[in-house]
């Protein structure tokens, strides 16, 4: 993940430690708010965003987390939209069934 050829060893060690702390914090926050299933997906997103930023000389940790959070938000909005649509359809079916019994 960290290219030793582009970073001095002490910087690579610092980056790895920072990545571990940042990912752990992000995972815990997502798990608390959205559950472990979304936290696993969010962690995968975070790692992918980190890999993209490793091409740069200095990693912008805030940008990594923001990009991963954007992906999480997009995914949860889609899930909530599907859930809302399913609930609306179920409600309409229930109302139609009641109307037919009258």
PDB file of N, CA and C in Angstrom:
ATOM      1  N   UNK A   1       0.828  -1.191   0.000  1.00  0.00           N
ATOM      2  CA  UNK A   1       0.000   0.000   0.000  1.00  0.00           C
ATOM      3  C   UNK A   1       0.866   1.245   0.000  1.00  0.00           C
ATOM      4  N   UNK A   2       1.906   1.251   0.800  1.00  0.00           N
ATOM      5  CA  UNK A   2       2.810   2.395   0.854  1.00  0.00           C
ATOM      6  C   UNK A   2       4.062   2.045   0.070  1.00  0.00           C
ATOM      7  N   UNK A   3       4.424   2.869  -0.876  1.00  0.00           N
ATOM      8  CA  UNK A   3       5.568   2.627  -1.738  1.00  0.00           C
ATOM      9  C   UNK A   3       6.846   3.075  -1.035  1.00  0.00           C
ATOM     10  N   UNK A   4       7.654   2.122  -0.632  1.00  0.00           N
ATOM     11  CA  UNK A   4       8.887   2.424   0.088  1.00  0.00           C
ATOM     12  C   UNK A   4       9.874   3.195  -0.780  1.00  0.00           C
ATOM     13  N   UNK A   5       9.743   3.066  -2.091  1.00  0.00           N
ATOM     14  CA  UNK A   5      10.649   3.786  -2.985  1.00  0.00           C
ATOM     15  C   UNK A   5      10.359   5.286  -3.008  1.00  0.00           C
ATOM     16  N   UNK A   6       9.152   5.679  -2.700  1.00  0.00           N
ATOM     17  CA  UNK A   6       8.789   7.091  -2.754  1.00  0.00           C
ATOM     18  C   UNK A   6       8.843   7.762  -1.390  1.00  0.00           C
ATOM     19  N   UNK A   7       8.872   7.012  -0.318  1.00  0.00           N
ATOM     20  CA  UNK A   7       8.862   7.579   1.028  1.00  0.00           C
ATOM     21  C   UNK A   7      10.058   7.047   1.806  1.00  0.00           C
ATOM     22  N   UNK A   8      10.572   7.862   2.682  1.00  0.00           N
ATOM     23  CA  UNK A   8      11.626   7.336   3.533  1.00  0.00           C
ATOM     24  C   UNK A   8      10.980   6.382   4.538  1.00  0.00           C
ATOM     25  N   UNK A   9      11.739   5.440   5.079  1.00  0.00           N
ATOM     26  CA  UNK A   9      11.168   4.410   5.954  1.00  0.00           C
ATOM     27  C   UNK A   9      10.399   4.967   7.155  1.00  0.00           C
ATOM     28  N   UNK A  10      10.912   6.019   7.778  1.00  0.00           N
ATOM     29  CA  UNK A  10      10.206   6.549   8.944  1.00  0.00           C
ATOM     30  C   UNK A  10       8.859   7.154   8.548  1.00  0.00           C
ATOM     31  N   UNK A  11       8.793   7.766   7.366  1.00  0.00           N
ATOM     32  CA  UNK A  11       7.522   8.320   6.885  1.00  0.00           C
ATOM     33  C   UNK A  11       6.536   7.198   6.579  1.00  0.00           C
ATOM     34  N   UNK A  12       7.020   6.111   6.004  1.00  0.00           N
ATOM     35  CA  UNK A  12       6.153   4.975   5.693  1.00  0.00           C
ATOM     36  C   UNK A  12       5.580   4.368   6.975  1.00  0.00           C
ATOM     37  N   UNK A  13       6.396   4.280   8.006  1.00  0.00           N
ATOM     38  CA  UNK A  13       5.935   3.749   9.288  1.00  0.00           C
ATOM     39  C   UNK A  13       4.890   4.687   9.895  1.00  0.00           C
ATOM     40  N   UNK A  14       5.139   5.976   9.846  1.00  0.00           N
ATOM     41  CA  UNK A  14       4.175   6.958  10.359  1.00  0.00           C
ATOM     42  C   UNK A  14       2.860   6.884   9.581  1.00  0.00           C
ATOM     43  N   UNK A  15       2.970   6.762   8.254  1.00  0.00           N
ATOM     44  CA  UNK A  15       1.772   6.671   7.426  1.00  0.00           C
ATOM     45  C   UNK A  15       0.961   5.420   7.761  1.00  0.00           C
ATOM     46  N   UNK A  16       1.642   4.310   7.937  1.00  0.00           N
ATOM     47  CA  UNK A  16       0.947   3.058   8.263  1.00  0.00           C
ATOM     48  C   UNK A  16       0.241   3.164   9.609  1.00  0.00           C
ATOM     49  N   UNK A  17       0.896   3.752  10.584  1.00  0.00           N
ATOM     50  CA  UNK A  17       0.281   3.918  11.906  1.00  0.00           C
ATOM     51  C   UNK A  17      -0.915   4.861  11.828  1.00  0.00           C
ATOM     52  N   UNK A  18      -0.754   5.939  11.080  1.00  0.00           N
ATOM     53  CA  UNK A  18      -1.858   6.888  10.935  1.00  0.00           C
ATOM     54  C   UNK A  18      -3.034   6.232  10.213  1.00  0.00           C
ATOM     55  N   UNK A  19      -2.755   5.473   9.171  1.00  0.00           N
ATOM     56  CA  UNK A  19      -3.811   4.789   8.421  1.00  0.00           C
ATOM     57  C   UNK A  19      -4.572   3.825   9.325  1.00  0.00           C
ATOM     58  N   UNK A  20      -3.850   3.109  10.151  1.00  0.00           N
ATOM     59  CA  UNK A  20      -4.491   2.161  11.065  1.00  0.00           C
ATOM     60  C   UNK A  20      -5.436   2.877  12.032  1.00  0.00           C
ATOM     61  N   UNK A  21      -4.977   3.968  12.607  1.00  0.00           N
ATOM     62  CA  UNK A  21      -5.811   4.733  13.548  1.00  0.00           C
ATOM     63  C   UNK A  21      -7.020   5.355  12.844  1.00  0.00           C
ATOM     64  N   UNK A  22      -6.774   5.943  11.681  1.00  0.00           N
ATOM     65  CA  UNK A  22      -7.862   6.613  10.959  1.00  0.00           C
ATOM     66  C   UNK A  22      -8.919   5.616  10.494  1.00  0.00           C
ATOM     67  N   UNK A  23      -8.488   4.491   9.960  1.00  0.00           N
ATOM     68  CA  UNK A  23      -9.435   3.476   9.502  1.00  0.00           C
ATOM     69  C   UNK A  23     -10.213   2.894  10.675  1.00  0.00           C
ATOM     70  N   UNK A  24      -9.547   2.647  11.771  1.00  0.00           N
ATOM     71  CA  UNK A  24     -10.210   2.111  12.959  1.00  0.00           C
ATOM     72  C   UNK A  24     -11.282   3.069  13.470  1.00  0.00           C
ATOM     73  N   UNK A  25     -10.958   4.339  13.520  1.00  0.00           N
ATOM     74  CA  UNK A  25     -11.920   5.347  13.972  1.00  0.00           C
ATOM     75  C   UNK A  25     -13.103   5.448  13.009  1.00  0.00           C
ATOM     76  N   UNK A  26     -12.813   5.439  11.728  1.00  0.00           N
ATOM     77  CA  UNK A  26     -13.871   5.533  10.720  1.00  0.00           C
ATOM     78  C   UNK A  26     -14.786   4.317  10.798  1.00  0.00           C
ATOM     79  N   UNK A  27     -14.196   3.130  10.897  1.00  0.00           N
ATOM     80  CA  UNK A  27     -14.975   1.898  11.000  1.00  0.00           C
ATOM     81  C   UNK A  27     -15.890   1.940  12.221  1.00  0.00           C
ATOM     82  N   UNK A  28     -15.356   2.330  13.369  1.00  0.00           N
ATOM     83  CA  UNK A  28     -16.141   2.372  14.607  1.00  0.00           C
ATOM     84  C   UNK A  28     -17.314   3.340  14.480  1.00  0.00           C
ATOM     85  N   UNK A  29     -17.076   4.497  13.889  1.00  0.00           N
ATOM     86  CA  UNK A  29     -18.143   5.491  13.733  1.00  0.00           C
ATOM     87  C   UNK A  29     -19.242   4.979  12.807  1.00  0.00           C
ATOM     88  N   UNK A  30     -18.855   4.368  11.706  1.00  0.00           N
ATOM     89  CA  UNK A  30     -19.851   3.850  10.757  1.00  0.00           C
ATOM     90  C   UNK A  30     -20.615   2.681  11.384  1.00  0.00           C
ATOM     91  N   UNK A  31     -19.914   1.793  12.081  1.00  0.00           N
ATOM     92  CA  UNK A  31     -20.576   0.651  12.720  1.00  0.00           C
ATOM     93  C   UNK A  31     -21.598   1.116  13.747  1.00  0.00           C
ATOM     94  N   UNK A  32     -21.261   2.124  14.496  1.00  0.00           N
ATOM     95  CA  UNK A  32     -22.174   2.636  15.515  1.00  0.00           C
ATOM     96  C   UNK A  32     -23.433   3.229  14.878  1.00  0.00           C
ATOM     97  N   UNK A  33     -23.256   3.921  13.783  1.00  0.00           N
ATOM     98  CA  UNK A  33     -24.384   4.619  13.154  1.00  0.00           C
ATOM     99  C   UNK A  33     -25.179   3.734  12.192  1.00  0.00           C
ATOM    100  N   UNK A  34     -24.500   2.866  11.428  1.00  0.00           N
ATOM    101  CA  UNK A  34     -25.153   2.127  10.354  1.00  0.00           C
ATOM    102  C   UNK A  34     -25.066   0.612  10.482  1.00  0.00           C
ATOM    103  N   UNK A  35     -24.313   0.104  11.445  1.00  0.00           N
ATOM    104  CA  UNK A  35     -24.185  -1.335  11.623  1.00  0.00           C
ATOM    105  C   UNK A  35     -22.925  -1.893  10.986  1.00  0.00           C
ATOM    106  N   UNK A  36     -22.619  -3.126  11.359  1.00  0.00           N
ATOM    107  CA  UNK A  36     -21.341  -3.725  10.938  1.00  0.00           C
ATOM    108  C   UNK A  36     -21.275  -4.013   9.443  1.00  0.00           C
ATOM    109  N   UNK A  37     -22.400  -4.337   8.821  1.00  0.00           N
ATOM    110  CA  UNK A  37     -22.378  -4.619   7.378  1.00  0.00           C
ATOM    111  C   UNK A  37     -21.939  -3.384   6.590  1.00  0.00           C
ATOM    112  N   UNK A  38     -22.507  -2.231   6.912  1.00  0.00           N
ATOM    113  CA  UNK A  38     -22.110  -0.999   6.237  1.00  0.00           C
ATOM    114  C   UNK A  38     -20.694  -0.593   6.633  1.00  0.00           C
ATOM    115  N   UNK A  39     -20.297  -0.896   7.871  1.00  0.00           N
ATOM    116  CA  UNK A  39     -18.947  -0.540   8.314  1.00  0.00           C
ATOM    117  C   UNK A  39     -17.892  -1.297   7.514  1.00  0.00           C
ATOM    118  N   UNK A  40     -18.145  -2.563   7.216  1.00  0.00           N
ATOM    119  CA  UNK A  40     -17.198  -3.344   6.411  1.00  0.00           C
ATOM    120  C   UNK A  40     -17.081  -2.744   5.009  1.00  0.00           C
ATOM    121  N   UNK A  41     -18.216  -2.414   4.410  1.00  0.00           N
ATOM    122  CA  UNK A  41     -18.195  -1.802   3.073  1.00  0.00           C
ATOM    123  C   UNK A  41     -17.505  -0.443   3.109  1.00  0.00           C
ATOM    124  N   UNK A  42     -17.770   0.333   4.161  1.00  0.00           N
ATOM    125  CA  UNK A  42     -17.155   1.654   4.291  1.00  0.00           C
ATOM    126  C   UNK A  42     -15.641   1.534   4.464  1.00  0.00           C
ATOM    127  N   UNK A  43     -15.201   0.528   5.204  1.00  0.00           N
ATOM    128  CA  UNK A  43     -13.760   0.307   5.386  1.00  0.00           C
ATOM    129  C   UNK A  43     -13.108  -0.053   4.052  1.00  0.00           C
ATOM    130  N   UNK A  44     -13.790  -0.867   3.254  1.00  0.00           N
ATOM    131  CA  UNK A  44     -13.259  -1.203   1.929  1.00  0.00           C
ATOM    132  C   UNK A  44     -13.162   0.051   1.055  1.00  0.00           C
ATOM    133  N   UNK A  45     -14.186   0.888   1.133  1.00  0.00           N
ATOM    134  CA  UNK A  45     -14.147   2.160   0.394  1.00  0.00           C
ATOM    135  C   UNK A  45     -12.963   3.010   0.848  1.00  0.00           C
ATOM    136  N   UNK A  46     -12.766   3.088   2.164  1.00  0.00           N
ATOM    137  CA  UNK A  46     -11.685   3.907   2.729  1.00  0.00           C
ATOM    138  C   UNK A  46     -10.332   3.410   2.230  1.00  0.00           C
ATOM    139  N   UNK A  47     -10.143   2.098   2.225  1.00  0.00           N
ATOM    140  CA  UNK A  47      -8.869   1.526   1.760  1.00  0.00           C
ATOM    141  C   UNK A  47      -8.654   1.833   0.278  1.00  0.00           C
ATOM    142  N   UNK A  48      -9.712   1.724  -0.519  1.00  0.00           N
ATOM    143  CA  UNK A  48      -9.591   2.053  -1.947  1.00  0.00           C
ATOM    144  C   UNK A  48      -9.219   3.521  -2.147  1.00  0.00           C
ATOM    145  N   UNK A  49      -9.827   4.390  -1.363  1.00  0.00           N
ATOM    146  CA  UNK A  49      -9.498   5.815  -1.469  1.00  0.00           C
ATOM    147  C   UNK A  49      -8.061   6.085  -1.019  1.00  0.00           C
ATOM    148  N   UNK A  50      -7.608   5.366  -0.001  1.00  0.00           N
ATOM    149  CA  UNK A  50      -6.222   5.503   0.441  1.00  0.00           C
ATOM    150  C   UNK A  50      -5.262   5.061  -0.658  1.00  0.00           C
ATOM    151  N   UNK A  51      -5.581   3.957  -1.312  1.00  0.00           N
ATOM    152  CA  UNK A  51      -4.719   3.470  -2.392  1.00  0.00           C
ATOM    153  C   UNK A  51      -4.602   4.495  -3.513  1.00  0.00           C
ATOM    154  N   UNK A  52      -5.692   5.176  -3.813  1.00  0.00           N
ATOM    155  CA  UNK A  52      -5.641   6.230  -4.836  1.00  0.00           C
ATOM    156  C   UNK A  52      -4.718   7.371  -4.406  1.00  0.00           C
ATOM    157  N   UNK A  53      -4.769   7.714  -3.131  1.00  0.00           N
ATOM    158  CA  UNK A  53      -3.987   8.856  -2.653  1.00  0.00           C
ATOM    159  C   UNK A  53      -2.529   8.501  -2.398  1.00  0.00           C
ATOM    160  N   UNK A  54      -2.192   7.224  -2.386  1.00  0.00           N
ATOM    161  CA  UNK A  54      -0.797   6.825  -2.165  1.00  0.00           C
ATOM    162  C   UNK A  54       0.106   7.211  -3.333  1.00  0.00           C
ATOM    163  N   UNK A  55      -0.498   7.599  -4.431  1.00  0.00           N
ATOM    164  CA  UNK A  55       0.296   8.048  -5.573  1.00  0.00           C
ATOM    165  C   UNK A  55       0.905   9.418  -5.321  1.00  0.00           C
ATOM    166  N   UNK A  56       0.324  10.138  -4.359  1.00  0.00           N
ATOM    167  CA  UNK A  56       0.817  11.467  -4.032  1.00  0.00           C
ATOM    168  C   UNK A  56       1.980  11.364  -3.046  1.00  0.00           C
ATOM    169  N   UNK A  57       2.783  12.391  -3.013  1.00  0.00           N
ATOM    170  CA  UNK A  57       3.939  12.422  -2.117  1.00  0.00           C
ATOM    171  C   UNK A  57       3.497  12.443  -0.653  1.00  0.00           C
ATOM    172  N   UNK A  58       2.483  13.205  -0.365  1.00  0.00           N
ATOM    173  CA  UNK A  58       1.972  13.315   1.001  1.00  0.00           C
ATOM    174  C   UNK A  58       0.491  12.967   0.995  1.00  0.00           C
ATOM    175  N   UNK A  59       0.073  12.085   1.879  1.00  0.00           N
ATOM    176  CA  UNK A  59      -1.319  11.638   1.925  1.00  0.00           C
ATOM    177  C   UNK A  59      -2.160  12.661   2.674  1.00  0.00           C
ATOM    178  N   UNK A  60      -3.267  13.041   2.058  1.00  0.00           N
ATOM    179  CA  UNK A  60      -4.227  13.931   2.696  1.00  0.00           C
ATOM    180  C   UNK A  60      -5.296  13.050   3.343  1.00  0.00           C
ATOM    181  N   UNK A  61      -5.115  12.761   4.625  1.00  0.00           N
ATOM    182  CA  UNK A  61      -5.982  11.829   5.342  1.00  0.00           C
ATOM    183  C   UNK A  61      -7.425  12.297   5.364  1.00  0.00           C
ATOM    184  N   UNK A  62      -7.631  13.572   5.493  1.00  0.00           N
ATOM    185  CA  UNK A  62      -8.996  14.109   5.529  1.00  0.00           C
ATOM    186  C   UNK A  62      -9.704  13.831   4.206  1.00  0.00           C
ATOM    187  N   UNK A  63      -8.999  14.002   3.105  1.00  0.00           N
ATOM    188  CA  UNK A  63      -9.596  13.745   1.793  1.00  0.00           C
ATOM    189  C   UNK A  63      -9.935  12.270   1.606  1.00  0.00           C
ATOM    190  N   UNK A  64      -9.112  11.397   2.138  1.00  0.00           N
ATOM    191  CA  UNK A  64      -9.387   9.955   2.069  1.00  0.00           C
ATOM    192  C   UNK A  64     -10.707   9.654   2.774  1.00  0.00           C
ATOM    193  N   UNK A  65     -10.861  10.165   3.979  1.00  0.00           N
ATOM    194  CA  UNK A  65     -12.067   9.906   4.760  1.00  0.00           C
ATOM    195  C   UNK A  65     -13.292  10.561   4.135  1.00  0.00           C
ATOM    196  N   UNK A  66     -13.138  11.768   3.617  1.00  0.00           N
ATOM    197  CA  UNK A  66     -14.258  12.450   2.972  1.00  0.00           C
ATOM    198  C   UNK A  66     -14.724  11.670   1.742  1.00  0.00           C
ATOM    199  N   UNK A  67     -13.794  11.197   0.935  1.00  0.00           N
ATOM    200  CA  UNK A  67     -14.162  10.434  -0.265  1.00  0.00           C
ATOM    201  C   UNK A  67     -14.873   9.135   0.115  1.00  0.00           C
ATOM    202  N   UNK A  68     -14.387   8.463   1.152  1.00  0.00           N
ATOM    203  CA  UNK A  68     -15.042   7.228   1.606  1.00  0.00           C
ATOM    204  C   UNK A  68     -16.425   7.535   2.177  1.00  0.00           C
ATOM    205  N   UNK A  69     -16.557   8.622   2.917  1.00  0.00           N
ATOM    206  CA  UNK A  69     -17.852   9.010   3.484  1.00  0.00           C
ATOM    207  C   UNK A  69     -18.845   9.370   2.384  1.00  0.00           C
ATOM    208  N   UNK A  70     -18.353   9.976   1.325  1.00  0.00           N
ATOM    209  CA  UNK A  70     -19.220  10.299   0.184  1.00  0.00           C
ATOM    210  C   UNK A  70     -19.787   9.017  -0.422  1.00  0.00           C
ATOM    211  N   UNK A  71     -18.947   8.012  -0.544  1.00  0.00           N
ATOM    212  CA  UNK A  71     -19.395   6.729  -1.083  1.00  0.00           C
ATOM    213  C   UNK A  71     -20.411   6.073  -0.150  1.00  0.00           C
ATOM    214  N   UNK A  72     -20.159   6.150   1.158  1.00  0.00           N
ATOM    215  CA  UNK A  72     -21.093   5.612   2.146  1.00  0.00           C
ATOM    216  C   UNK A  72     -22.442   6.328   2.043  1.00  0.00           C
ATOM    217  N   UNK A  73     -22.406   7.639   1.955  1.00  0.00           N
ATOM    218  CA  UNK A  73     -23.642   8.417   1.867  1.00  0.00           C
ATOM    219  C   UNK A  73     -24.433   8.033   0.622  1.00  0.00           C
ATOM    220  N   UNK A  74     -23.744   7.906  -0.483  1.00  0.00           N
ATOM    221  CA  UNK A  74     -24.417   7.530  -1.731  1.00  0.00           C
ATOM    222  C   UNK A  74     -25.077   6.161  -1.583  1.00  0.00           C
ATOM    223  N   UNK A  75     -24.362   5.217  -1.005  1.00  0.00           N
ATOM    224  CA  UNK A  75     -24.889   3.866  -0.819  1.00  0.00           C
ATOM    225  C   UNK A  75     -26.083   3.857   0.137  1.00  0.00           C
ATOM    226  N   UNK A  76     -25.994   4.571   1.249  1.00  0.00           N
ATOM    227  CA  UNK A  76     -27.096   4.556   2.217  1.00  0.00           C
ATOM    228  C   UNK A  76     -28.322   5.290   1.691  1.00  0.00           C
ATOM    229  N   UNK A  77     -28.119   6.316   0.896  1.00  0.00           N
ATOM    230  CA  UNK A  77     -29.261   7.004   0.285  1.00  0.00           C
ATOM    231  C   UNK A  77     -29.978   6.052  -0.657  1.00  0.00           C
ATOM    232  N   UNK A  78     -29.237   5.281  -1.420  1.00  0.00           N
ATOM    233  CA  UNK A  78     -29.849   4.303  -2.316  1.00  0.00           C
ATOM    234  C   UNK A  78     -30.619   3.257  -1.520  1.00  0.00           C
ATOM    235  N   UNK A  79     -30.040   2.764  -0.427  1.00  0.00           N
ATOM    236  CA  UNK A  79     -30.692   1.755   0.407  1.00  0.00           C
ATOM    237  C   UNK A  79     -31.971   2.313   1.010  1.00  0.00           C
ATOM    238  N   UNK A  80     -31.900   3.526   1.561  1.00  0.00           N
ATOM    239  CA  UNK A  80     -33.080   4.142   2.161  1.00  0.00           C
ATOM    240  C   UNK A  80     -34.151   4.392   1.112  1.00  0.00           C
ATOM    241  N   UNK A  81     -33.745   4.771  -0.085  1.00  0.00           N
ATOM    242  CA  UNK A  81     -34.705   4.985  -1.161  1.00  0.00           C
ATOM    243  C   UNK A  81     -35.429   3.703  -1.530  1.00  0.00           C
ATOM    244  N   UNK A  82     -34.700   2.600  -1.610  1.00  0.00           N
ATOM    245  CA  UNK A  82     -35.314   1.313  -1.912  1.00  0.00           C
ATOM    246  C   UNK A  82     -36.237   0.873  -0.779  1.00  0.00           C
ATOM    247  N   UNK A  83     -35.787   1.078   0.466  1.00  0.00           N
ATOM    248  CA  UNK A  83     -36.589   0.703   1.626  1.00  0.00           C
ATOM    249  C   UNK A  83     -37.884   1.513   1.652  1.00  0.00           C
ATOM    250  N   UNK A  84     -37.778   2.805   1.399  1.00  0.00           N
ATOM    251  CA  UNK A  84     -38.946   3.682   1.395  1.00  0.00           C
ATOM    252  C   UNK A  84     -39.918   3.272   0.301  1.00  0.00           C
ATOM    253  N   UNK A  85     -39.396   2.947  -0.858  1.00  0.00           N
ATOM    254  CA  UNK A  85     -40.238   2.524  -1.979  1.00  0.00           C
ATOM    255  C   UNK A  85     -40.956   1.220  -1.636  1.00  0.00           C
ATOM    256  N   UNK A  86     -40.257   0.282  -1.026  1.00  0.00           N
ATOM    257  CA  UNK A  86     -40.861  -0.993  -0.639  1.00  0.00           C
ATOM    258  C   UNK A  86     -41.947  -0.785   0.404  1.00  0.00           C
ATOM    259  N   UNK A  87     -41.695   0.093   1.364  1.00  0.00           N
ATOM    260  CA  UNK A  87     -42.703   0.384   2.388  1.00  0.00           C
ATOM    261  C   UNK A  87     -43.929   1.036   1.768  1.00  0.00           C
ATOM    262  N   UNK A  88     -43.719   1.930   0.821  1.00  0.00           N
ATOM    263  CA  UNK A  88     -44.837   2.600   0.158  1.00  0.00           C
ATOM    264  C   UNK A  88     -45.667   1.596  -0.632  1.00  0.00           C
ATOM    265  N   UNK A  89     -45.000   0.684  -1.340  1.00  0.00           N
ATOM    266  CA  UNK A  89     -45.717  -0.336  -2.112  1.00  0.00           C
ATOM    267  C   UNK A  89     -46.525  -1.245  -1.190  1.00  0.00           C
ATOM    268  N   UNK A  90     -45.938  -1.632  -0.059  1.00  0.00           N
ATOM    269  CA  UNK A  90     -46.643  -2.489   0.899  1.00  0.00           C
ATOM    270  C   UNK A  90     -47.867  -1.775   1.457  1.00  0.00           C
ATOM    271  N   UNK A  91     -47.719  -0.498   1.746  1.00  0.00           N
ATOM    272  CA  UNK A  91     -48.836   0.297   2.269  1.00  0.00           C
ATOM    273  C   UNK A  91     -49.950   0.414   1.233  1.00  0.00           C
ATOM    274  N   UNK A  92     -49.581   0.617  -0.012  1.00  0.00           N
ATOM    275  CA  UNK A  92     -50.581   0.722  -1.074  1.00  0.00           C
ATOM    276  C   UNK A  92     -51.316  -0.596  -1.263  1.00  0.00           C
ATOM    277  N   UNK A  93     -50.591  -1.717  -1.193  1.00  0.00           N
ATOM    278  CA  UNK A  93     -51.234  -3.025  -1.311  1.00  0.00           C
ATOM    279  C   UNK A  93     -52.216  -3.255  -0.167  1.00  0.00           C
ATOM    280  N   UNK A  94     -51.806  -2.859   1.031  1.00  0.00           N
ATOM    281  CA  UNK A  94     -52.659  -3.010   2.208  1.00  0.00           C
ATOM    282  C   UNK A  94     -53.925  -2.162   2.050  1.00  0.00           C
ATOM    283  N   UNK A  95     -53.773  -0.929   1.605  1.00  0.00           N
ATOM    284  CA  UNK A  95     -54.922  -0.052   1.386  1.00  0.00           C
ATOM    285  C   UNK A  95     -55.840  -0.577   0.290  1.00  0.00           C
ATOM    286  N   UNK A  96     -55.252  -1.117  -0.770  1.00  0.00           N
ATOM    287  CA  UNK A  96     -56.055  -1.686  -1.855  1.00  0.00           C
ATOM    288  C   UNK A  96     -56.838  -2.902  -1.365  1.00  0.00           C
ATOM    289  N   UNK A  97     -56.231  -3.713  -0.531  1.00  0.00           N
ATOM    290  CA  UNK A  97     -56.904  -4.896   0.013  1.00  0.00           C
ATOM    291  C   UNK A  97     -58.079  -4.478   0.894  1.00  0.00           C
ATOM    292  N   UNK A  98     -57.892  -3.430   1.700  1.00  0.00           N
ATOM    293  CA  UNK A  98     -58.981  -2.932   2.542  1.00  0.00           C
ATOM    294  C   UNK A  98     -60.111  -2.379   1.683  1.00  0.00           C
ATOM    295  N   UNK A  99     -59.779  -1.680   0.636  1.00  0.00           N
ATOM    296  CA  UNK A  99     -60.790  -1.072  -0.229  1.00  0.00           C
ATOM    297  C   UNK A  99     -61.620  -2.141  -0.923  1.00  0.00           C
ATOM    298  N   UNK A 100     -61.011  -3.257  -1.243  1.00  0.00           N
ATOM    299  CA  UNK A 100     -61.718  -4.330  -1.931  1.00  0.00           C
ATOM    300  C   UNK A 100     -62.688  -5.050  -0.998  1.00  0.00           C
ATOM    301  N   UNK A 101     -62.420  -5.034   0.302  1.00  0.00           N
ATOM    302  CA  UNK A 101     -63.307  -5.699   1.245  1.00  0.00           C
ATOM    303  C   UNK A 101     -64.537  -4.869   1.536  1.00  0.00           C
ATOM    304  N   UNK A 102     -64.543  -3.597   1.194  1.00  0.00           N
ATOM    305  CA  UNK A 102     -65.698  -2.728   1.444  1.00  0.00           C
ATOM    306  C   UNK A 102     -66.646  -2.947   0.354  1.00  0.00           C
TER     307      UNK A 102
END
